């Protein structure tokens, strides 16, 4: 069995990291202290200083980030709308759950830069605990299909995997790791004792097809800040 490996949380872009990039740019452009920037942006000083001291605790909302950019003379970036298509199990493979169009929520996120800016994105809500060190139960992941990215899955990617059994499609979210023999494994990253063993991607699971379909680009933990 492949050895379980630790994955650096920084490999997954979060809304906190994106917000931190915006704040850092505003501080650099203006030369302001955080207190001065908060004053000019018309937001509470503690809102900004608390975020800078502990950006992982809670992100800044999009309206607040827009105020910070305007105060720094930076043209606010128009958020991108991403539909929540369904849920993905962060645990064992479970039947893929896709929402009807009338049931889908919409997240607003800061756009990606470079080649990712034009790639179609979709969101899934995470269910389960096997990836809770990175994507807690109930959080959301922003995904892009490898077909649209025109690239192959790589070692260390956080991926969405489908397996098909007749008319049933099951899905899970895991970390892809390639062992020394080139064999791909799907790793959990969890505090839960029952979610520690990796899944052999190439093993015969008694299904018609197993496919790594999407790359997870970003997580969103606070849905309310992205409405």
Protein backbone atom coordinates (compact mmCIF):
# COMPACT_ATOMS: atom_id res chain seq x y z
CA UNK A 1 0.00 0.00 0.00
CA UNK A 2 1.19 3.51 -0.79
CA UNK A 3 2.55 5.52 2.08
CA UNK A 4 0.26 8.26 3.38
CA UNK A 5 1.78 11.69 2.80
CA UNK A 6 1.10 15.11 4.23
CA UNK A 7 -0.11 17.83 1.88
CA UNK A 8 0.68 21.50 2.35
CA UNK A 9 -2.56 23.49 2.75
CA UNK A 10 -1.00 26.26 0.67
CA UNK A 11 -1.36 24.06 -2.41
CA UNK A 12 -5.05 24.88 -2.41
CA UNK A 13 -5.89 28.53 -3.04
CA UNK A 14 -8.48 29.72 -0.55
CA UNK A 15 -10.66 32.80 -0.45
CA UNK A 16 -8.50 33.98 2.45
CA UNK A 17 -5.37 33.87 0.33
CA UNK A 18 -7.03 35.76 -2.50
CA UNK A 19 -8.26 38.39 -0.05
CA UNK A 20 -4.79 38.68 1.45
CA UNK A 21 -3.32 39.32 -2.01
CA UNK A 22 -5.76 42.21 -2.51
CA UNK A 23 -5.01 43.74 0.89
CA UNK A 24 -1.25 43.37 0.45
CA UNK A 25 -1.44 45.06 -2.95
CA UNK A 26 -3.46 47.96 -1.48
CA UNK A 27 -0.98 48.43 1.37
CA UNK A 28 1.94 48.37 -1.05
CA UNK A 29 0.38 50.83 -3.52
CA UNK A 30 -0.67 53.35 -0.88
CA UNK A 31 2.10 52.93 1.66
CA UNK A 32 -0.61 53.16 4.31
CA UNK A 33 -0.62 51.33 7.61
CA UNK A 34 -3.50 48.87 8.01
CA UNK A 35 -5.26 51.35 10.31
CA UNK A 36 -4.95 54.16 7.77
CA UNK A 37 -6.14 51.92 4.93
CA UNK A 38 -9.17 50.88 6.98
CA UNK A 39 -9.97 54.53 7.72
CA UNK A 40 -9.72 55.54 4.05
CA UNK A 41 -11.83 52.53 3.01
CA UNK A 42 -14.53 53.32 5.57
CA UNK A 43 -14.31 49.99 7.36
CA UNK A 44 -13.65 49.15 10.98
CA UNK A 45 -9.94 49.10 11.86
CA UNK A 46 -10.38 45.87 13.78
CA UNK A 47 -11.88 44.17 10.70
CA UNK A 48 -8.67 44.63 8.76
CA UNK A 49 -6.15 44.18 11.57
CA UNK A 50 -7.86 41.00 12.78
CA UNK A 51 -7.78 39.59 9.25
CA UNK A 52 -4.09 40.41 8.78
CA UNK A 53 -3.18 38.81 12.10
CA UNK A 54 -5.16 35.65 11.40
CA UNK A 55 -6.31 35.45 7.75
CA UNK A 56 -7.35 31.83 8.20
CA UNK A 57 -10.04 32.66 10.75
CA UNK A 58 -12.50 34.45 8.48
CA UNK A 59 -12.21 36.09 5.11
CA UNK A 60 -13.16 39.63 4.10
CA UNK A 61 -16.38 39.98 2.16
CA UNK A 62 -16.34 41.04 -1.48
CA UNK A 63 -17.90 44.48 -0.70
CA UNK A 64 -15.15 45.15 1.88
CA UNK A 65 -12.45 44.11 -0.59
CA UNK A 66 -13.99 46.44 -3.17
CA UNK A 67 -13.83 49.35 -0.68
CA UNK A 68 -10.17 48.58 0.04
CA UNK A 69 -9.33 48.56 -3.66
CA UNK A 70 -11.15 51.84 -4.25
CA UNK A 71 -9.35 53.47 -1.31
CA UNK A 72 -6.04 52.40 -2.86
CA UNK A 73 -7.00 53.72 -6.29
CA UNK A 74 -7.15 50.21 -7.68
CA UNK A 75 -9.95 49.38 -10.09
CA UNK A 76 -12.14 46.84 -8.28
CA UNK A 77 -12.25 43.51 -10.08
CA UNK A 78 -15.70 42.28 -11.04
CA UNK A 79 -16.44 39.01 -9.22
CA UNK A 80 -17.04 35.86 -11.25
CA UNK A 81 -20.27 33.95 -10.71
CA UNK A 82 -19.88 30.21 -10.19
CA UNK A 83 -22.82 27.81 -9.93
CA UNK A 84 -22.94 25.17 -7.20
CA UNK A 85 -23.76 22.11 -9.32
CA UNK A 86 -24.17 19.60 -6.50
CA UNK A 87 -22.24 17.81 -3.77
CA UNK A 88 -19.08 15.71 -3.72
CA UNK A 89 -18.27 13.16 -1.07
CA UNK A 90 -15.04 13.64 0.84
CA UNK A 91 -15.02 10.03 1.99
CA UNK A 92 -15.82 6.85 0.14
CA UNK A 93 -17.26 6.94 -3.35
CA UNK A 94 -20.92 7.93 -3.09
CA UNK A 95 -23.49 8.43 -5.83
CA UNK A 96 -22.86 11.82 -7.41
CA UNK A 97 -25.49 14.37 -6.40
CA UNK A 98 -26.33 17.02 -8.97
CA UNK A 99 -28.80 19.81 -8.25
CA UNK A 100 -31.56 20.79 -10.62
CA UNK A 101 -30.98 24.21 -12.24
CA UNK A 102 -33.74 25.74 -10.08
CA UNK A 103 -32.02 24.48 -6.91
CA UNK A 104 -28.52 25.71 -7.66
CA UNK A 105 -26.89 28.47 -5.64
CA UNK A 106 -24.40 30.92 -7.08
CA UNK A 107 -21.09 31.86 -5.51
CA UNK A 108 -19.23 35.04 -6.38
CA UNK A 109 -15.45 34.78 -6.27
CA UNK A 110 -12.52 36.94 -7.27
CA UNK A 111 -11.46 35.91 -10.79
CA UNK A 112 -8.38 33.85 -11.44
CA UNK A 113 -5.53 35.36 -13.41
CA UNK A 114 -3.74 34.22 -16.56
CA UNK A 115 -4.92 31.17 -18.47
CA UNK A 116 -7.42 30.22 -15.74
CA UNK A 117 -9.38 33.42 -16.33
CA UNK A 118 -11.13 31.93 -19.38
CA UNK A 119 -11.69 28.41 -18.07
CA UNK A 120 -15.31 27.39 -17.22
CA UNK A 121 -15.67 26.87 -13.48
CA UNK A 122 -18.21 25.12 -11.31
CA UNK A 123 -18.62 24.57 -7.58
CA UNK A 124 -19.46 21.55 -5.43
CA UNK A 125 -20.39 21.38 -1.77
CA UNK A 126 -18.22 19.00 0.22
CA UNK A 127 -19.91 16.29 2.26
CA UNK A 128 -17.91 14.13 4.64
CA UNK A 129 -14.74 14.27 6.69
CA UNK A 130 -11.99 12.57 4.65
CA UNK A 131 -10.57 15.91 3.46
CA UNK A 132 -11.39 18.01 6.51
CA UNK A 133 -7.82 19.27 6.97
CA UNK A 134 -8.27 21.23 3.75
CA UNK A 135 -11.95 21.21 2.79
CA UNK A 136 -14.19 20.85 5.86
CA UNK A 137 -17.60 19.22 5.66
CA UNK A 138 -20.06 21.77 4.28
CA UNK A 139 -17.44 23.93 2.56
CA UNK A 140 -17.37 24.50 -1.20
CA UNK A 141 -14.71 23.71 -3.79
CA UNK A 142 -14.25 25.61 -7.05
CA UNK A 143 -13.40 23.19 -9.84
CA UNK A 144 -12.28 23.13 -13.47
CA UNK A 145 -12.53 20.09 -15.71
CA UNK A 146 -9.24 18.69 -16.96
CA UNK A 147 -10.81 18.58 -20.43
CA UNK A 148 -11.22 22.37 -20.36
CA UNK A 149 -7.78 22.87 -18.82
CA UNK A 150 -6.27 20.71 -21.58
CA UNK A 151 -3.81 19.24 -19.12
CA UNK A 152 -3.30 15.97 -17.28
CA UNK A 153 -3.72 15.42 -13.53
CA UNK A 154 -0.46 15.83 -11.63
CA UNK A 155 0.99 14.52 -8.40
CA UNK A 156 -0.32 16.58 -5.49
CA UNK A 157 -3.45 17.83 -7.27
CA UNK A 158 -6.70 17.89 -5.33
CA UNK A 159 -9.12 16.21 -7.69
CA UNK A 160 -12.71 15.15 -8.22
CA UNK A 161 -12.95 11.52 -9.32
CA UNK A 162 -15.93 9.78 -10.95
CA UNK A 163 -16.48 6.08 -11.28
CA UNK A 164 -19.26 4.62 -13.39
CA UNK A 165 -21.13 1.43 -12.67
CA UNK A 166 -23.75 0.86 -15.39
CA UNK A 167 -26.00 3.95 -15.14
CA UNK A 168 -24.72 4.96 -11.70
CA UNK A 169 -22.08 7.68 -11.36
CA UNK A 170 -20.24 7.94 -8.02
CA UNK A 171 -17.88 10.73 -7.02
CA UNK A 172 -15.27 11.58 -4.43
CA UNK A 173 -12.74 14.35 -3.74
CA UNK A 174 -9.17 13.32 -2.89
CA UNK A 175 -5.49 14.22 -3.26
CA UNK A 176 -3.78 12.51 -6.17
CA UNK A 177 -0.38 11.05 -5.31
CA UNK A 178 1.87 9.12 -7.68
CA UNK A 179 4.08 6.52 -5.99
CA UNK A 180 7.64 5.57 -6.93
CA UNK A 181 6.35 3.00 -9.43
CA UNK A 182 4.16 5.58 -11.15
CA UNK A 183 0.95 4.17 -9.69
CA UNK A 184 -1.73 6.75 -8.82
CA UNK A 185 -3.37 6.75 -5.40
CA UNK A 186 -6.24 8.82 -4.05
CA UNK A 187 -5.34 10.10 -0.59
CA UNK A 188 -7.57 11.49 2.13
CA UNK A 189 -6.28 14.29 4.33
CA UNK A 190 -8.31 14.04 7.49
CA UNK A 191 -8.29 14.14 11.26
CA UNK A 192 -10.81 11.27 11.28
CA UNK A 193 -9.28 7.87 12.11
CA UNK A 194 -11.60 6.09 9.68
CA UNK A 195 -10.39 8.23 6.78
CA UNK A 196 -6.67 7.54 6.64
CA UNK A 197 -6.18 4.84 4.00
CA UNK A 198 -5.56 5.82 0.37
CA UNK A 199 -7.55 4.32 -2.52
CA UNK A 200 -5.73 2.47 -5.29
CA UNK A 201 -6.91 4.32 -8.40
CA UNK A 202 -6.07 1.44 -10.75
CA UNK A 203 -7.51 -1.37 -8.64
CA UNK A 204 -10.47 -3.36 -9.96
CA UNK A 205 -13.39 -1.75 -8.15
CA UNK A 206 -15.96 -3.76 -10.07
CA UNK A 207 -16.99 -0.72 -12.07
CA UNK A 208 -17.05 0.16 -15.76
CA UNK A 209 -14.77 3.20 -15.57
CA UNK A 210 -12.86 5.37 -13.09
CA UNK A 211 -11.88 8.85 -14.26
CA UNK A 212 -10.23 11.89 -12.69
CA UNK A 213 -12.50 14.57 -14.08
CA UNK A 214 -11.71 17.88 -12.39
CA UNK A 215 -9.05 19.89 -10.61
CA UNK A 216 -9.98 21.66 -7.38
CA UNK A 217 -8.66 25.22 -7.62
CA UNK A 218 -10.03 26.90 -4.54
CA UNK A 219 -12.09 26.37 -1.43
CA UNK A 220 -14.83 28.58 -0.02
CA UNK A 221 -15.71 28.05 3.65
CA UNK A 222 -17.88 31.10 4.32
CA UNK A 223 -20.73 30.95 1.79
CA UNK A 224 -22.35 34.13 3.10
CA UNK A 225 -19.31 36.24 2.14
CA UNK A 226 -19.60 35.12 -1.49
CA UNK A 227 -23.28 35.80 -2.24
